[in-house]
Amino acid sequence: MTGGHRPVPPRVADVLASVLSRGGRAVWAATLVEDCRHALGADGVGLAVADERGPVGVVAATVGVGQAGEDLQFTLGEGPCQLASATGLMVHSPDLEADTRWSQYSREAGTAGIRAVFSTPLQVGAARLGVLDVYRRVPGPLTPAALETVQVHAEAAVALLLLTGDPDGVVLPPDDLVELADIRPVVHQAAGMVAIQLEVSLDVALVRLRAAAFASGRPLRAVAADVVARRIGLDHTVAGVFLRSDA
């Protein structure tokens, strides 16, 4: 083996610790995309939210290329972000100029100085939360280490988006960051159970879980754990939560 050591991608818990230590939830998304841009040496990063219809809005984007790339995708209604949301798969476009999938987006993005885009879907199971987009001014694929770094930041973005279902003012001690990084599995399982119970889509079930967490003033992960353990159930009432007698 020759050459230097392979760069080690950051851990999800480390990314979350860094983001949460530098301000309240109002700046979490902006901090995350800037950290992702810096870690990759990319020219721009954007974070968009999505529902069962596809991407519906930009949460945060780095200044310049990141904001331009996000604005174009939503203005034109096409691009890697739209495709990643629709398919649930990461979309690679290492050379937009040669990419024929989005003729208008590729042309306009090129005018804005964007030559490569990589879009990662943010999901809990089949329920869509959003998309993390990475923009570069020069063409070329991401290295294996860069792909791992993107995935780590995508996992952190999922945790942050899920936390919007928690009550405002939640302060997480450092020891809870590992649990936060692993929030997806229990929420995924709970959303599946709620979808069956209420006969709704996974997207709607996830919304109901987040609403129940906010209404009860409890962390989303705690509500999801109670649903999985059958301590509580969700219904179609305003309160949305009831104690189960069959626990």
Protein backbone atom coordinates (compact mmCIF):
# COMPACT_ATOMS: atom_id res chain seq x y z
CA MET A 1 0.00 0.00 0.00
CA THR A 2 1.42 3.37 -0.99
CA GLY A 3 0.48 6.97 -0.38
CA GLY A 4 -1.10 8.57 2.67
CA HIS A 5 -3.71 7.23 4.98
CA ARG A 6 -7.31 7.11 3.82
CA PRO A 7 -9.26 10.02 5.37
CA VAL A 8 -11.51 8.88 8.22
CA PRO A 9 -15.11 10.18 7.90
CA PRO A 10 -16.57 11.78 11.02
CA ARG A 11 -19.02 9.87 13.22
CA VAL A 12 -22.69 10.84 13.22
CA ALA A 13 -22.55 11.55 16.96
CA ASP A 14 -19.55 13.85 16.44
CA VAL A 15 -21.35 15.80 13.72
CA LEU A 16 -24.41 16.18 15.93
CA ALA A 17 -22.31 17.21 18.93
CA SER A 18 -20.66 19.93 16.86
CA VAL A 19 -23.96 21.22 15.45
CA LEU A 20 -25.86 21.23 18.74
CA SER A 21 -23.03 22.92 20.63
CA ARG A 22 -23.11 26.07 18.49
CA GLY A 23 -26.62 27.39 18.91
CA GLY A 24 -30.31 26.62 19.22
CA ARG A 25 -32.51 24.68 16.83
CA ALA A 26 -33.03 27.79 14.70
CA VAL A 27 -29.45 27.45 13.38
CA TRP A 28 -29.02 23.66 13.42
CA ALA A 29 -29.76 23.15 9.72
CA ALA A 30 -27.57 26.07 8.59
CA THR A 31 -24.73 24.81 10.77
CA LEU A 32 -25.06 21.27 9.43
CA VAL A 33 -24.88 22.25 5.75
CA GLU A 34 -21.88 24.50 6.37
CA ASP A 35 -20.12 21.72 8.29
CA CYS A 36 -20.87 19.29 5.46
CA ARG A 37 -19.50 21.71 2.87
CA HIS A 38 -16.32 22.20 4.89
CA ALA A 39 -15.81 18.47 5.56
CA LEU A 40 -16.11 17.65 1.85
CA GLY A 41 -14.29 20.67 0.48
CA ALA A 42 -17.41 21.19 -1.64
CA ASP A 43 -18.58 24.50 -3.07
CA GLY A 44 -22.12 24.29 -1.74
CA VAL A 45 -24.55 22.15 0.25
CA GLY A 46 -28.33 22.40 0.56
CA LEU A 47 -30.93 20.70 2.74
CA ALA A 48 -34.54 20.39 1.56
CA VAL A 49 -37.57 18.86 3.24
CA ALA A 50 -39.90 16.48 1.42
CA ASP A 51 -43.21 14.70 1.89
CA GLU A 52 -45.04 11.99 -0.07
CA ARG A 53 -45.35 14.40 -3.03
CA GLY A 54 -41.61 15.11 -3.23
CA PRO A 55 -39.39 18.05 -2.14
CA VAL A 56 -41.46 20.90 -0.74
CA GLY A 57 -39.01 23.50 0.55
CA VAL A 58 -35.43 24.48 1.33
CA VAL A 59 -34.47 24.32 5.00
CA ALA A 60 -30.91 25.62 4.65
CA ALA A 61 -28.25 26.18 2.02
CA THR A 62 -24.73 27.54 2.06
CA VAL A 63 -24.23 30.97 0.53
CA GLY A 64 -23.57 31.12 -3.21
CA VAL A 65 -23.53 27.84 -5.09
CA GLY A 66 -25.56 25.97 -2.47
CA GLN A 67 -28.40 28.49 -2.47
CA ALA A 68 -28.32 28.82 -6.27
CA GLY A 69 -28.51 25.06 -6.76
CA GLU A 70 -31.46 24.66 -4.39
CA ASP A 71 -33.34 27.61 -5.87
CA LEU A 72 -32.96 26.24 -9.40
CA GLN A 73 -34.24 22.77 -8.51
CA PHE A 74 -37.38 24.17 -6.91
CA THR A 75 -37.95 26.85 -9.55
CA LEU A 76 -37.59 24.41 -12.46
CA GLY A 77 -39.15 21.39 -10.74
CA GLU A 78 -36.38 19.09 -11.95
CA GLY A 79 -32.89 18.02 -10.97
CA PRO A 80 -31.03 15.50 -8.80
CA CYS A 81 -32.90 16.56 -5.64
CA GLN A 82 -36.26 15.81 -7.25
CA LEU A 83 -35.06 12.42 -8.53
CA ALA A 84 -33.50 11.40 -5.19
CA SER A 85 -36.75 12.19 -3.40
CA ALA A 86 -38.83 10.27 -5.94
CA THR A 87 -36.65 7.14 -6.03
CA GLY A 88 -35.25 7.02 -2.49
CA LEU A 89 -31.79 6.49 -4.00
CA MET A 90 -28.68 8.66 -4.00
CA VAL A 91 -28.33 10.48 -7.34
CA HIS A 92 -24.88 11.08 -8.80
CA SER A 93 -24.29 13.68 -11.48
CA PRO A 94 -20.50 14.07 -11.63
CA ASP A 95 -20.66 16.03 -14.89
CA LEU A 96 -23.86 18.03 -15.32
CA GLU A 97 -22.80 19.29 -18.73
CA ALA A 98 -22.87 15.72 -20.05
CA ASP A 99 -25.96 14.68 -18.06
CA THR A 100 -29.04 14.48 -20.31
CA ARG A 101 -31.57 13.71 -17.56
CA TRP A 102 -32.38 17.38 -16.87
CA SER A 103 -31.64 19.50 -19.90
CA GLN A 104 -32.95 22.77 -18.46
CA TYR A 105 -31.56 22.27 -14.96
CA SER A 106 -28.15 21.22 -16.29
CA ARG A 107 -27.99 24.28 -18.50
CA GLU A 108 -29.07 26.75 -15.81
CA ALA A 109 -26.86 25.15 -13.16
CA GLY A 110 -23.90 25.41 -15.50
CA THR A 111 -24.59 29.12 -15.91
CA ALA A 112 -24.53 29.40 -12.11
CA GLY A 113 -21.13 27.71 -12.02
CA ILE A 114 -22.34 24.27 -10.89
CA ARG A 115 -20.69 21.35 -12.69
CA ALA A 116 -21.46 18.39 -10.38
CA VAL A 117 -24.31 17.53 -7.99
CA PHE A 118 -24.83 14.65 -5.56
CA SER A 119 -28.22 14.24 -3.85
CA THR A 120 -28.88 11.91 -0.92
CA PRO A 121 -32.46 11.11 0.17
CA LEU A 122 -33.26 11.46 3.87
CA GLN A 123 -35.73 8.80 4.94
CA VAL A 124 -37.16 6.82 7.82
CA GLY A 125 -37.89 3.55 6.11
CA ALA A 126 -40.04 4.47 3.11
CA ALA A 127 -41.17 7.76 4.67
CA ARG A 128 -39.42 10.71 3.09
CA LEU A 129 -38.03 13.55 5.18
CA GLY A 130 -35.88 15.45 2.72
CA VAL A 131 -32.75 15.51 0.57
CA LEU A 132 -29.15 16.59 1.21
CA ASP A 133 -27.54 18.11 -1.92
CA VAL A 134 -23.82 18.60 -2.52
CA TYR A 135 -22.62 20.99 -5.25
CA ARG A 136 -19.20 21.35 -6.89
CA ARG A 137 -17.80 23.84 -9.39
CA VAL A 138 -15.61 21.20 -11.04
CA PRO A 139 -16.77 17.89 -12.56
CA GLY A 140 -15.76 14.55 -11.16
CA PRO A 141 -17.06 11.75 -8.91
CA LEU A 142 -16.88 11.72 -5.13
CA THR A 143 -14.18 9.57 -3.57
CA PRO A 144 -15.23 6.61 -1.37
CA ALA A 145 -14.24 8.63 1.73
CA ALA A 146 -16.28 11.60 0.52
CA LEU A 147 -19.30 9.37 -0.08
CA GLU A 148 -19.03 8.10 3.51
CA THR A 149 -18.78 11.67 4.77
CA VAL A 150 -21.92 12.61 2.83
CA GLN A 151 -23.77 9.66 4.33
CA VAL A 152 -22.69 10.58 7.86
CA HIS A 153 -24.01 14.13 7.41
CA ALA A 154 -27.20 12.74 5.85
CA GLU A 155 -27.76 10.55 8.94
CA ALA A 156 -27.18 13.59 11.14
CA ALA A 157 -29.66 15.58 9.02
CA VAL A 158 -32.30 12.86 9.53
CA ALA A 159 -31.83 13.08 13.31
CA LEU A 160 -32.14 16.87 13.24
CA LEU A 161 -35.27 16.79 11.09
CA LEU A 162 -36.83 14.20 13.38
CA LEU A 163 -36.04 16.40 16.37
CA THR A 164 -38.35 19.10 15.02
CA GLY A 165 -41.10 16.90 16.48
CA ASP A 166 -39.65 17.40 19.95
CA PRO A 167 -40.76 20.27 22.19
CA ASP A 168 -38.77 23.50 21.96
CA GLY A 169 -36.04 23.99 24.48
CA VAL A 170 -34.87 20.35 24.64
CA VAL A 171 -31.25 20.29 25.80
CA LEU A 172 -29.37 17.09 25.03
CA PRO A 173 -26.39 16.14 27.21
CA PRO A 174 -23.38 14.71 25.36
CA ASP A 175 -24.15 11.17 26.59
CA ASP A 176 -27.47 11.28 24.70
CA LEU A 177 -25.87 11.98 21.32
CA VAL A 178 -25.24 8.32 20.53
CA GLU A 179 -28.91 7.58 21.24
CA LEU A 180 -29.88 10.53 19.05
CA ALA A 181 -27.71 9.24 16.22
CA ASP A 182 -29.59 5.93 16.41
CA ILE A 183 -33.06 7.51 16.48
CA ARG A 184 -34.04 6.27 13.01
CA PRO A 185 -34.67 2.54 13.73
CA VAL A 186 -37.16 3.01 16.59
CA VAL A 187 -38.98 5.81 14.75
CA HIS A 188 -39.10 3.69 11.59
CA GLN A 189 -40.65 0.80 13.50
CA ALA A 190 -43.13 3.04 15.30
CA ALA A 191 -44.17 4.76 12.07
CA GLY A 192 -44.86 1.37 10.50
CA MET A 193 -47.04 0.35 13.43
CA VAL A 194 -48.95 3.65 13.38
CA ALA A 195 -49.46 3.39 9.60
CA ILE A 196 -51.12 -0.02 10.07
CA GLN A 197 -53.16 1.06 13.09
CA LEU A 198 -54.51 4.23 11.48
CA GLU A 199 -54.56 2.90 7.89
CA VAL A 200 -52.47 5.82 6.62
CA SER A 201 -49.27 6.13 4.60
CA LEU A 202 -45.86 6.02 6.31
CA ASP A 203 -45.40 9.72 5.58
CA VAL A 204 -48.64 10.57 7.39
CA ALA A 205 -47.80 8.18 10.24
CA LEU A 206 -44.48 9.95 10.75
CA VAL A 207 -46.24 13.32 10.85
CA ARG A 208 -48.66 11.94 13.46
CA LEU A 209 -45.77 10.69 15.60
CA ARG A 210 -44.05 14.08 15.48
CA ALA A 211 -47.30 15.85 16.29
CA ALA A 212 -47.92 13.52 19.24
CA ALA A 213 -44.42 14.21 20.58
CA PHE A 214 -44.91 17.95 20.32
CA ALA A 215 -48.40 17.86 21.88
CA SER A 216 -47.23 15.72 24.81
CA GLY A 217 -44.04 17.71 25.39
CA ARG A 218 -41.92 14.56 25.10
CA PRO A 219 -38.97 13.65 22.85
CA LEU A 220 -39.94 11.93 19.62
CA ARG A 221 -37.67 8.98 20.37
CA ALA A 222 -39.47 8.43 23.71
CA VAL A 223 -42.92 8.50 22.10
CA ALA A 224 -41.75 6.13 19.37
CA ALA A 225 -40.31 3.73 21.96
CA ASP A 226 -43.63 3.71 23.82
CA VAL A 227 -45.51 2.94 20.59
CA VAL A 228 -43.15 0.06 19.77
CA ALA A 229 -43.49 -1.31 23.34
CA ARG A 230 -47.30 -0.97 22.99
CA ARG A 231 -47.48 1.27 26.06
CA ILE A 232 -49.34 3.89 24.02
CA GLY A 233 -51.21 4.03 20.74
CA LEU A 234 -52.20 6.78 18.32
CA ASP A 235 -55.68 7.52 17.07
CA HIS A 236 -57.49 10.14 14.99
CA THR A 237 -58.51 12.33 17.92
CA VAL A 238 -57.11 15.81 18.54
CA ALA A 239 -54.88 14.55 21.36
CA GLY A 240 -53.75 11.68 19.16
CA VAL A 241 -52.35 9.51 21.99
CA PHE A 242 -54.00 6.99 24.32
CA LEU A 243 -52.74 4.51 26.88
CA ARG A 244 -53.03 0.92 25.72
CA SER A 245 -54.72 -1.66 27.92
CA ASP A 246 -53.10 -4.57 26.04
CA ALA A 247 -49.49 -3.60 26.83
